[in-house]
Amino acid sequence: LNDTCEAAHFGLWRLCKKTIYIEEEEAIGKGC
């Protein structure tokens, strides 16, 4: 909790990473 994680989305040409700050306790153990 209270940390960042990086989710990613991509297409044919490039990759994008998004740094998301996690502050909800329910998110622990789940996907970013």
Full PDB file with SEQRES, HELIX, SHEET, SSBOND, CRYST1, ORIGX, SCALE, CONECT and MASTER records, all heavy atoms in Angstrom:
SEQRES   1 A   32  LEU ASN ASP THR CYS GLU ALA ALA HIS PHE GLY LEU TRP          
SEQRES   2 A   32  ARG LEU CYS LYS LYS THR ILE TYR ILE GLU GLU GLU GLU          
SEQRES   3 A   32  ALA ILE GLY LYS GLY CYS                                      
HELIX    1 AA1 GLU A   25  ALA A   27  5                                   3    
SHEET    1 AA1 2 ASP A   3  PHE A  10  0                                        
SHEET    2 AA1 2 LEU A  15  ILE A  22 -1                                        
SSBOND   1 CYS A    5    CYS A   32                          1555   1555  1.89  
CRYST1    1.000    1.000    1.000  90.00  90.00  90.00 P 1           1          
ORIGX1      1.000000  0.000000  0.000000        0.00000                         
ORIGX2      0.000000  1.000000  0.000000        0.00000                         
ORIGX3      0.000000  0.000000  1.000000        0.00000                         
SCALE1      1.000000  0.000000  0.000000        0.00000                         
SCALE2      0.000000  1.000000  0.000000        0.00000                         
SCALE3      0.000000  0.000000  1.000000        0.00000                         
ATOM      1  N   LEU A   1       0.839  -1.194   0.000  1.00  0.00           N  
ATOM      2  CA  LEU A   1       0.000   0.000   0.000  1.00  0.00           C  
ATOM      3  C   LEU A   1       0.876   1.247   0.000  1.00  0.00           C  
ATOM      4  O   LEU A   1       2.050   1.202   0.376  1.00  0.00           O  
ATOM      5  CB  LEU A   1      -0.917  -0.025   1.220  1.00  0.00           C  
ATOM      6  CG  LEU A   1      -2.129   0.915   1.229  1.00  0.00           C  
ATOM      7  CD1 LEU A   1      -3.077   0.588   0.095  1.00  0.00           C  
ATOM      8  CD2 LEU A   1      -2.846   0.808   2.575  1.00  0.00           C  
ATOM      9  N   ASN A   2       0.308   2.376  -0.420  1.00  0.00           N  
ATOM     10  CA  ASN A   2       1.009   3.667  -0.476  1.00  0.00           C  
ATOM     11  C   ASN A   2       2.309   3.574  -1.273  1.00  0.00           C  
ATOM     12  O   ASN A   2       3.353   4.092  -0.863  1.00  0.00           O  
ATOM     13  CB  ASN A   2       1.299   4.178   0.940  1.00  0.00           C  
ATOM     14  CG  ASN A   2       0.021   4.449   1.716  1.00  0.00           C  
ATOM     15  OD1 ASN A   2      -0.981   4.883   1.143  1.00  0.00           O  
ATOM     16  ND2 ASN A   2       0.044   4.165   3.011  1.00  0.00           N  
ATOM     17  N   ASP A   3       2.219   2.899  -2.391  1.00  0.00           N  
ATOM     18  CA  ASP A   3       3.369   2.754  -3.272  1.00  0.00           C  
ATOM     19  C   ASP A   3       2.873   2.845  -4.713  1.00  0.00           C  
ATOM     20  O   ASP A   3       1.666   2.870  -4.963  1.00  0.00           O  
ATOM     21  CB  ASP A   3       4.069   1.422  -3.024  1.00  0.00           C  
ATOM     22  CG  ASP A   3       5.478   1.394  -3.610  1.00  0.00           C  
ATOM     23  OD1 ASP A   3       5.910   2.449  -4.133  1.00  0.00           O  
ATOM     24  OD2 ASP A   3       6.116   0.333  -3.554  1.00  0.00           O  
ATOM     25  N   THR A   4       3.790   2.885  -5.658  1.00  0.00           N  
ATOM     26  CA  THR A   4       3.404   2.974  -7.063  1.00  0.00           C  
ATOM     27  C   THR A   4       3.594   1.630  -7.763  1.00  0.00           C  
ATOM     28  O   THR A   4       4.406   0.798  -7.348  1.00  0.00           O  
ATOM     29  CB  THR A   4       4.248   4.033  -7.797  1.00  0.00           C  
ATOM     30  OG1 THR A   4       5.621   3.694  -7.704  1.00  0.00           O  
ATOM     31  CG2 THR A   4       4.001   5.413  -7.207  1.00  0.00           C  
ATOM     32  N   CYS A   5       2.829   1.438  -8.808  1.00  0.00           N  
ATOM     33  CA  CYS A   5       2.981   0.261  -9.674  1.00  0.00           C  
ATOM     34  C   CYS A   5       2.874   0.729 -11.117  1.00  0.00           C  
ATOM     35  O   CYS A   5       2.357   1.822 -11.388  1.00  0.00           O  
ATOM     36  CB  CYS A   5       1.932  -0.801  -9.348  1.00  0.00           C  
ATOM     37  SG  CYS A   5       0.228  -0.257  -9.625  1.00  0.00           S  
ATOM     38  N   GLU A   6       3.344  -0.093 -12.026  1.00  0.00           N  
ATOM     39  CA  GLU A   6       3.348   0.282 -13.435  1.00  0.00           C  
ATOM     40  C   GLU A   6       2.486  -0.674 -14.261  1.00  0.00           C  
ATOM     41  O   GLU A   6       2.818  -1.854 -14.395  1.00  0.00           O  
ATOM     42  CB  GLU A   6       4.776   0.284 -13.991  1.00  0.00           C  
ATOM     43  CG  GLU A   6       5.582   1.491 -13.564  1.00  0.00           C  
ATOM     44  CD  GLU A   6       6.926   1.544 -14.267  1.00  0.00           C  
ATOM     45  OE1 GLU A   6       7.419   0.480 -14.701  1.00  0.00           O  
ATOM     46  OE2 GLU A   6       7.479   2.650 -14.382  1.00  0.00           O  
ATOM     47  N   ALA A   7       1.395  -0.147 -14.778  1.00  0.00           N  
ATOM     48  CA  ALA A   7       0.577  -0.897 -15.737  1.00  0.00           C  
ATOM     49  C   ALA A   7       1.051  -0.527 -17.141  1.00  0.00           C  
ATOM     50  O   ALA A   7       1.643   0.533 -17.346  1.00  0.00           O  
ATOM     51  CB  ALA A   7      -0.894  -0.559 -15.558  1.00  0.00           C  
ATOM     52  N   ALA A   8       0.805  -1.403 -18.088  1.00  0.00           N  
ATOM     53  CA  ALA A   8       1.294  -1.159 -19.450  1.00  0.00           C  
ATOM     54  C   ALA A   8       0.192  -1.421 -20.471  1.00  0.00           C  
ATOM     55  O   ALA A   8      -0.665  -2.284 -20.285  1.00  0.00           O  
ATOM     56  CB  ALA A   8       2.496  -2.051 -19.741  1.00  0.00           C  
ATOM     57  N   HIS A   9       0.214  -0.639 -21.533  1.00  0.00           N  
ATOM     58  CA  HIS A   9      -0.638  -0.923 -22.690  1.00  0.00           C  
ATOM     59  C   HIS A   9       0.212  -0.735 -23.939  1.00  0.00           C  
ATOM     60  O   HIS A   9       1.146   0.075 -23.962  1.00  0.00           O  
ATOM     61  CB  HIS A   9      -1.883  -0.027 -22.711  1.00  0.00           C  
ATOM     62  CG  HIS A   9      -1.607   1.446 -22.816  1.00  0.00           C  
ATOM     63  ND1 HIS A   9      -1.447   2.098 -24.015  1.00  0.00           N  
ATOM     64  CD2 HIS A   9      -1.450   2.389 -21.849  1.00  0.00           C  
ATOM     65  CE1 HIS A   9      -1.229   3.376 -23.797  1.00  0.00           C  
ATOM     66  NE2 HIS A   9      -1.218   3.590 -22.488  1.00  0.00           N  
ATOM     67  N   PHE A  10      -0.077  -1.505 -24.973  1.00  0.00           N  
ATOM     68  CA  PHE A  10       0.758  -1.456 -26.161  1.00  0.00           C  
ATOM     69  C   PHE A  10      -0.039  -1.701 -27.439  1.00  0.00           C  
ATOM     70  O   PHE A  10      -1.178  -2.189 -27.401  1.00  0.00           O  
ATOM     71  CB  PHE A  10       1.901  -2.478 -26.061  1.00  0.00           C  
ATOM     72  CG  PHE A  10       1.446  -3.912 -26.105  1.00  0.00           C  
ATOM     73  CD1 PHE A  10       1.456  -4.616 -27.287  1.00  0.00           C  
ATOM     74  CD2 PHE A  10       1.033  -4.559 -24.946  1.00  0.00           C  
ATOM     75  CE1 PHE A  10       1.050  -5.943 -27.333  1.00  0.00           C  
ATOM     76  CE2 PHE A  10       0.624  -5.880 -24.980  1.00  0.00           C  
ATOM     77  CZ  PHE A  10       0.630  -6.571 -26.181  1.00  0.00           C  
ATOM     78  N   GLY A  11       0.595  -1.336 -28.552  1.00  0.00           N  
ATOM     79  CA  GLY A  11       0.007  -1.554 -29.862  1.00  0.00           C  
ATOM     80  C   GLY A  11       1.020  -2.209 -30.778  1.00  0.00           C  
ATOM     81  O   GLY A  11       1.894  -2.953 -30.329  1.00  0.00           O  
ATOM     82  N   LEU A  12       0.929  -1.916 -32.060  1.00  0.00           N  
ATOM     83  CA  LEU A  12       1.843  -2.531 -33.020  1.00  0.00           C  
ATOM     84  C   LEU A  12       3.231  -1.904 -32.984  1.00  0.00           C  
ATOM     85  O   LEU A  12       4.209  -2.549 -33.364  1.00  0.00           O  
ATOM     86  CB  LEU A  12       1.276  -2.394 -34.440  1.00  0.00           C  
ATOM     87  CG  LEU A  12      -0.035  -3.122 -34.736  1.00  0.00           C  
ATOM     88  CD1 LEU A  12      -0.525  -2.766 -36.126  1.00  0.00           C  
ATOM     89  CD2 LEU A  12       0.138  -4.627 -34.600  1.00  0.00           C  
ATOM     90  N   TRP A  13       3.316  -0.658 -32.530  1.00  0.00           N  
ATOM     91  CA  TRP A  13       4.565   0.074 -32.681  1.00  0.00           C  
ATOM     92  C   TRP A  13       5.241   0.461 -31.367  1.00  0.00           C  
ATOM     93  O   TRP A  13       6.451   0.621 -31.330  1.00  0.00           O  
ATOM     94  CB  TRP A  13       4.328   1.355 -33.494  1.00  0.00           C  
ATOM     95  CG  TRP A  13       3.513   1.128 -34.705  1.00  0.00           C  
ATOM     96  CD1 TRP A  13       2.202   1.458 -34.891  1.00  0.00           C  
ATOM     97  CD2 TRP A  13       3.915   0.487 -35.917  1.00  0.00           C  
ATOM     98  NE1 TRP A  13       1.777   1.078 -36.135  1.00  0.00           N  
ATOM     99  CE2 TRP A  13       2.801   0.487 -36.792  1.00  0.00           C  
ATOM    100  CE3 TRP A  13       5.125  -0.074 -36.346  1.00  0.00           C  
ATOM    101  CZ2 TRP A  13       2.855  -0.057 -38.067  1.00  0.00           C  
ATOM    102  CZ3 TRP A  13       5.177  -0.607 -37.620  1.00  0.00           C  
ATOM    103  CH2 TRP A  13       4.060  -0.607 -38.468  1.00  0.00           C  
ATOM    104  N   ARG A  14       4.478   0.656 -30.297  1.00  0.00           N  
ATOM    105  CA  ARG A  14       5.107   1.150 -29.083  1.00  0.00           C  
ATOM    106  C   ARG A  14       4.428   0.631 -27.823  1.00  0.00           C  
ATOM    107  O   ARG A  14       3.297   0.157 -27.848  1.00  0.00           O  
ATOM    108  CB  ARG A  14       5.147   2.679 -29.070  1.00  0.00           C  
ATOM    109  CG  ARG A  14       3.784   3.347 -28.965  1.00  0.00           C  
ATOM    110  CD  ARG A  14       3.928   4.851 -28.848  1.00  0.00           C  
ATOM    111  NE  ARG A  14       2.636   5.477 -28.604  1.00  0.00           N  
ATOM    112  CZ  ARG A  14       2.478   6.752 -28.284  1.00  0.00           C  
ATOM    113  NH1 ARG A  14       3.533   7.536 -28.177  1.00  0.00           N  
ATOM    114  NH2 ARG A  14       1.275   7.261 -28.073  1.00  0.00           N  
ATOM    115  N   LEU A  15       5.148   0.780 -26.738  1.00  0.00           N  
ATOM    116  CA  LEU A  15       4.698   0.378 -25.407  1.00  0.00           C  
ATOM    117  C   LEU A  15       4.571   1.621 -24.541  1.00  0.00           C  
ATOM    118  O   LEU A  15       5.427   2.499 -24.566  1.00  0.00           O  
ATOM    119  CB  LEU A  15       5.718  -0.574 -24.778  1.00  0.00           C  
ATOM    120  CG  LEU A  15       5.622  -0.805 -23.266  1.00  0.00           C  
ATOM    121  CD1 LEU A  15       4.411  -1.667 -22.960  1.00  0.00           C  
ATOM    122  CD2 LEU A  15       6.891  -1.455 -22.762  1.00  0.00           C  
ATOM    123  N   CYS A  16       3.488   1.703 -23.797  1.00  0.00           N  
ATOM    124  CA  CYS A  16       3.279   2.807 -22.856  1.00  0.00           C  
ATOM    125  C   CYS A  16       3.128   2.240 -21.449  1.00  0.00           C  
ATOM    126  O   CYS A  16       2.364   1.292 -21.230  1.00  0.00           O  
ATOM    127  CB  CYS A  16       2.032   3.611 -23.211  1.00  0.00           C  
ATOM    128  SG  CYS A  16       2.173   4.543 -24.750  1.00  0.00           S  
ATOM    129  N   LYS A  17       3.867   2.831 -20.512  1.00  0.00           N  
ATOM    130  CA  LYS A  17       3.770   2.431 -19.111  1.00  0.00           C  
ATOM    131  C   LYS A  17       3.194   3.592 -18.311  1.00  0.00           C  
ATOM    132  O   LYS A  17       3.551   4.747 -18.540  1.00  0.00           O  
ATOM    133  CB  LYS A  17       5.141   2.055 -18.558  1.00  0.00           C  
ATOM    134  CG  LYS A  17       5.760   0.838 -19.225  1.00  0.00           C  
ATOM    135  CD  LYS A  17       7.110   0.518 -18.611  1.00  0.00           C  
ATOM    136  CE  LYS A  17       8.106   1.622 -18.943  1.00  0.00           C  
ATOM    137  NZ  LYS A  17       9.448   1.329 -18.377  1.00  0.00           N  
ATOM    138  N   LYS A  18       2.324   3.257 -17.390  1.00  0.00           N  
ATOM    139  CA  LYS A  18       1.690   4.281 -16.564  1.00  0.00           C  
ATOM    140  C   LYS A  18       1.944   3.976 -15.093  1.00  0.00           C  
ATOM    141  O   LYS A  18       1.639   2.884 -14.613  1.00  0.00           O  
ATOM    142  CB  LYS A  18       0.187   4.327 -16.844  1.00  0.00           C  
ATOM    143  CG  LYS A  18      -0.499   5.556 -16.284  1.00  0.00           C  
ATOM    144  CD  LYS A  18      -1.929   5.641 -16.787  1.00  0.00           C  
ATOM    145  CE  LYS A  18      -2.565   6.954 -16.409  1.00  0.00           C  
ATOM    146  NZ  LYS A  18      -3.964   7.045 -16.895  1.00  0.00           N  
ATOM    147  N   THR A  19       2.541   4.949 -14.407  1.00  0.00           N  
ATOM    148  CA  THR A  19       2.833   4.798 -12.989  1.00  0.00           C  
ATOM    149  C   THR A  19       1.622   5.240 -12.177  1.00  0.00           C  
ATOM    150  O   THR A  19       1.197   6.399 -12.262  1.00  0.00           O  
ATOM    151  CB  THR A  19       4.055   5.648 -12.592  1.00  0.00           C  
ATOM    152  OG1 THR A  19       5.175   5.269 -13.406  1.00  0.00           O  
ATOM    153  CG2 THR A  19       4.413   5.433 -11.132  1.00  0.00           C  
ATOM    154  N   ILE A  20       1.059   4.312 -11.433  1.00  0.00           N  
ATOM    155  CA  ILE A  20      -0.170   4.564 -10.666  1.00  0.00           C  
ATOM    156  C   ILE A  20       0.122   4.446  -9.179  1.00  0.00           C  
ATOM    157  O   ILE A  20       0.765   3.482  -8.743  1.00  0.00           O  
ATOM    158  CB  ILE A  20      -1.282   3.571 -11.081  1.00  0.00           C  
ATOM    159  CG1 ILE A  20      -1.559   3.707 -12.583  1.00  0.00           C  
ATOM    160  CG2 ILE A  20      -2.551   3.796 -10.272  1.00  0.00           C  
ATOM    161  CD1 ILE A  20      -2.511   2.660 -13.127  1.00  0.00           C  
ATOM    162  N   TYR A  21      -0.342   5.415  -8.424  1.00  0.00           N  
ATOM    163  CA  TYR A  21      -0.151   5.395  -6.969  1.00  0.00           C  
ATOM    164  C   TYR A  21      -1.294   4.615  -6.318  1.00  0.00           C  
ATOM    165  O   TYR A  21      -2.474   4.885  -6.557  1.00  0.00           O  
ATOM    166  CB  TYR A  21      -0.107   6.819  -6.422  1.00  0.00           C  
ATOM    167  CG  TYR A  21       0.208   6.899  -4.945  1.00  0.00           C  
ATOM    168  CD1 TYR A  21       1.503   6.679  -4.475  1.00  0.00           C  
ATOM    169  CD2 TYR A  21      -0.798   7.178  -4.012  1.00  0.00           C  
ATOM    170  CE1 TYR A  21       1.795   6.744  -3.124  1.00  0.00           C  
ATOM    171  CE2 TYR A  21      -0.515   7.239  -2.656  1.00  0.00           C  
ATOM    172  CZ  TYR A  21       0.777   7.026  -2.225  1.00  0.00           C  
ATOM    173  OH  TYR A  21       1.059   7.087  -0.881  1.00  0.00           O  
ATOM    174  N   ILE A  22      -0.930   3.632  -5.491  1.00  0.00           N  
ATOM    175  CA  ILE A  22      -1.917   2.770  -4.850  1.00  0.00           C  
ATOM    176  C   ILE A  22      -2.148   3.226  -3.407  1.00  0.00           C  
ATOM    177  O   ILE A  22      -1.211   3.298  -2.612  1.00  0.00           O  
ATOM    178  CB  ILE A  22      -1.446   1.297  -4.847  1.00  0.00           C  
ATOM    179  CG1 ILE A  22      -1.184   0.826  -6.284  1.00  0.00           C  
ATOM    180  CG2 ILE A  22      -2.479   0.409  -4.161  1.00  0.00           C  
ATOM    181  CD1 ILE A  22      -2.386   0.865  -7.180  1.00  0.00           C  
ATOM    182  N   GLU A  23      -3.396   3.533  -3.102  1.00  0.00           N  
ATOM    183  CA  GLU A  23      -3.734   3.963  -1.748  1.00  0.00           C  
ATOM    184  C   GLU A  23      -4.969   3.246  -1.193  1.00  0.00           C  
ATOM    185  O   GLU A  23      -5.364   3.491  -0.056  1.00  0.00           O  
ATOM    186  CB  GLU A  23      -3.945   5.476  -1.702  1.00  0.00           C  
ATOM    187  CG  GLU A  23      -4.979   5.992  -2.686  1.00  0.00           C  
ATOM    188  CD  GLU A  23      -5.069   7.506  -2.682  1.00  0.00           C  
ATOM    189  OE1 GLU A  23      -4.315   8.127  -1.900  1.00  0.00           O  
ATOM    190  OE2 GLU A  23      -5.880   8.056  -3.446  1.00  0.00           O  
ATOM    191  N   GLU A  24      -5.557   2.366  -1.984  1.00  0.00           N  
ATOM    192  CA  GLU A  24      -6.702   1.595  -1.511  1.00  0.00           C  
ATOM    193  C   GLU A  24      -6.239   0.216  -1.053  1.00  0.00           C  
ATOM    194  O   GLU A  24      -5.546  -0.490  -1.776  1.00  0.00           O  
ATOM    195  CB  GLU A  24      -7.751   1.455  -2.626  1.00  0.00           C  
ATOM    196  CG  GLU A  24      -8.390   2.773  -3.026  1.00  0.00           C  
ATOM    197  CD  GLU A  24      -9.476   2.578  -4.065  1.00  0.00           C  
ATOM    198  OE1 GLU A  24      -9.765   1.400  -4.385  1.00  0.00           O  
ATOM    199  OE2 GLU A  24     -10.027   3.576  -4.541  1.00  0.00           O  
ATOM    200  N   GLU A  25      -6.647  -0.156   0.145  1.00  0.00           N  
ATOM    201  CA  GLU A  25      -6.209  -1.422   0.733  1.00  0.00           C  
ATOM    202  C   GLU A  25      -6.736  -2.623  -0.048  1.00  0.00           C  
ATOM    203  O   GLU A  25      -6.113  -3.689  -0.067  1.00  0.00           O  
ATOM    204  CB  GLU A  25      -6.679  -1.490   2.183  1.00  0.00           C  
ATOM    205  CG  GLU A  25      -6.070  -2.625   2.975  1.00  0.00           C  
ATOM    206  CD  GLU A  25      -6.407  -2.554   4.451  1.00  0.00           C  
ATOM    207  OE1 GLU A  25      -6.897  -1.506   4.895  1.00  0.00           O  
ATOM    208  OE2 GLU A  25      -6.183  -3.558   5.143  1.00  0.00           O  
ATOM    209  N   GLU A  26      -7.873  -2.458  -0.713  1.00  0.00           N  
ATOM    210  CA  GLU A  26      -8.477  -3.564  -1.461  1.00  0.00           C  
ATOM    211  C   GLU A  26      -7.629  -3.961  -2.682  1.00  0.00           C  
ATOM    212  O   GLU A  26      -7.810  -5.037  -3.244  1.00  0.00           O  
ATOM    213  CB  GLU A  26      -9.875  -3.174  -1.935  1.00  0.00           C  
ATOM    214  CG  GLU A  26     -10.845  -2.906  -0.791  1.00  0.00           C  
ATOM    215  CD  GLU A  26     -12.204  -2.455  -1.301  1.00  0.00           C  
ATOM    216  OE1 GLU A  26     -12.318  -2.238  -2.524  1.00  0.00           O  
ATOM    217  OE2 GLU A  26     -13.135  -2.318  -0.493  1.00  0.00           O  
ATOM    218  N   ALA A  27      -6.751  -3.082  -3.100  1.00  0.00           N  
ATOM    219  CA  ALA A  27      -5.950  -3.350  -4.300  1.00  0.00           C  
ATOM    220  C   ALA A  27      -4.807  -4.331  -4.042  1.00  0.00           C  
ATOM    221  O   ALA A  27      -4.219  -4.860  -4.988  1.00  0.00           O  
ATOM    222  CB  ALA A  27      -5.386  -2.049  -4.849  1.00  0.00           C  
ATOM    223  N   ILE A  28      -4.471  -4.599  -2.794  1.00  0.00           N  
ATOM    224  CA  ILE A  28      -3.362  -5.493  -2.464  1.00  0.00           C  
ATOM    225  C   ILE A  28      -3.641  -6.901  -2.991  1.00  0.00           C  
ATOM    226  O   ILE A  28      -4.709  -7.475  -2.764  1.00  0.00           O  
ATOM    227  CB  ILE A  28      -3.122  -5.548  -0.941  1.00  0.00           C  
ATOM    228  CG1 ILE A  28      -2.813  -4.152  -0.395  1.00  0.00           C  
ATOM    229  CG2 ILE A  28      -1.993  -6.508  -0.611  1.00  0.00           C  
ATOM    230  CD1 ILE A  28      -1.552  -3.548  -0.941  1.00  0.00           C  
ATOM    231  N   GLY A  29      -2.665  -7.457  -3.719  1.00  0.00           N  
ATOM    232  CA  GLY A  29      -2.804  -8.796  -4.268  1.00  0.00           C  
ATOM    233  C   GLY A  29      -3.506  -8.853  -5.607  1.00  0.00           C  
ATOM    234  O   GLY A  29      -3.574  -9.916  -6.225  1.00  0.00           O  
ATOM    235  N   LYS A  30      -4.023  -7.706  -6.054  1.00  0.00           N  
ATOM    236  CA  LYS A  30      -4.706  -7.656  -7.347  1.00  0.00           C  
ATOM    237  C   LYS A  30      -3.814  -6.987  -8.381  1.00  0.00           C  
ATOM    238  O   LYS A  30      -2.701  -6.579  -8.102  1.00  0.00           O  
ATOM    239  CB  LYS A  30      -6.039  -6.909  -7.210  1.00  0.00           C  
ATOM    240  CG  LYS A  30      -7.032  -7.579  -6.269  1.00  0.00           C  
ATOM    241  CD  LYS A  30      -8.320  -6.790  -6.205  1.00  0.00           C  
ATOM    242  CE  LYS A  30      -9.335  -7.449  -5.266  1.00  0.00           C  
ATOM    243  NZ  LYS A  30     -10.587  -6.667  -5.169  1.00  0.00           N  
ATOM    244  N   GLY A  31      -4.337  -6.843  -9.577  1.00  0.00           N  
ATOM    245  CA  GLY A  31      -3.573  -6.215 -10.644  1.00  0.00           C  
ATOM    246  C   GLY A  31      -3.526  -4.709 -10.494  1.00  0.00           C  
ATOM    247  O   GLY A  31      -4.453  -4.083  -9.957  1.00  0.00           O  
ATOM    248  N   CYS A  32      -2.445  -4.113 -10.960  1.00  0.00           N  
ATOM    249  CA  CYS A  32      -2.282  -2.662 -10.915  1.00  0.00           C  
ATOM    250  C   CYS A  32      -3.274  -2.009 -11.869  1.00  0.00           C  
ATOM    251  O   CYS A  32      -3.386  -2.387 -13.021  1.00  0.00           O  
ATOM    252  CB  CYS A  32      -0.852  -2.306 -11.307  1.00  0.00           C  
ATOM    253  SG  CYS A  32      -0.509  -0.542 -11.337  1.00  0.00           S  
TER     254      CYS A  32                                                      
CONECT   37  253                                                                
CONECT  253   37                                                                
MASTER        0    0    0    1    2    0    0    6  253    1    2    3          
END                                                                             
